[in-house]
Amino acid sequence: TTINVNNDTGLWASNSGNANTAPNAMRYNWNGTNSADDWFFTQGLTMTVGQSYQLQFKYKSGSTTYKEALEVKVGNAATVAAQTTPVFSNTNIQNTTYVTTGSGSGTGQVTLFTPTTSGVYYFGFHAISIPNQLYLYVDDLQVTEVPSPACPQPTAVVVGNITATGATVTFTGPTNGTAYRVVYVPRGSTPTAASPSVSTTTSSATLANLTSNTNYDIYVEATCGTSGASTLTGPVAFTTACAIVTSFPYTETFDGVTAPTLPCGITTINVNNDSGVWVNNSGDANTTPNAMRYNYNTTNSADDWFFTNGITMTVGQSYQLQFKYKAPSTTYSEALEV
């Protein structure tokens, strides 16, 4: 079953095409204005208290340009309110070939669930992508009974509070976990014993001294006292933020990326939620190939912003902003404030 929580045009549906096993896969279709808030649920699964169950599935994005986001929870009903136990989260899905999760081979988060009471349970797949992305695909779901390991892997790994040089990693550790190692490596790299890491005895860790605008993968390992260590859970991908500007002159030509991708640090807000928006456009540029362009709406007045990267300024120091602008036609009058 599916639930379109925000009642918009972005929703989960069975799609013919782009499947891992042909012909069908579940696909979330983006909305240009609203963040995703859409669920699909497995059929009910009868589970036994104390028995561990492993969810495995494949997922991918429709484009490397757009970041999709997905979380998976489990609960005792196919409703949003009943989905109380997180088992998977990835807010930086840009792979256009299917990635397997739950394989236990380092190719994705292992999604283990051990119910505390016997009953019927449902896994819920929750699309949480930001507005105006593209497609998110899920295929080949499988739930299997597995032996309960002496030291289970951490689950529900989430990366948040991301800055240019740091991030916070949270996770759910096994009940017998006593310590954890959070490993961070460049995207696509294989973690080793020598990889940079942070140790913690709680369910969170703070990463520091990262490189700005860089793709990383996170892995988490548990230690369970005399029961040894778990295998690594991961990867969970994230990208550090752009560095704040601290030296001058600061220039931005919008040409360092392929349109419509925005340069690092440039952000937009579509205040009136219409089709008239700022985009990085290839064409009509002063310095080729790109320039920022506001695309008109025939009904609404423009109420749309784009912002520069953050700039560190000093009290008492004067700063001058210089930029070039034009209209596409002498017939129409455009209006701009900064």
Foldseek 3Di string as FASTA:
>chain_A
DKDQPVPDPWEWDWDQDLAPPPGTWIKTFAAQFAFFWMKDKDPWDWDAAPWKKWKKKKKAFCALQFFWWKWKFKAQDPDPVRRDGTFDIARGGRHSDIFMALPLPARAFIRMDHDNHTHIMMMMMTTGHGHDGGMMTMDDIDMDTDDDALFEEWGDWDWAPFAQFKIKIFTHGDPQFQKKKKFKDAPPDDDDPPGDIDIDRDRMDMGGRHHGQGKMFIWMKTQRPPSGIYRIGDTHIDTHAHDAAEDDDDDDQQAPDDPQRGPGQKDKDQPVRDPFEWTWDQVPGPPPGTDIDTDDDPPDDGDMDMDGHHYDDDPPDDDDDDDDDDDPDPVDDDDDDD
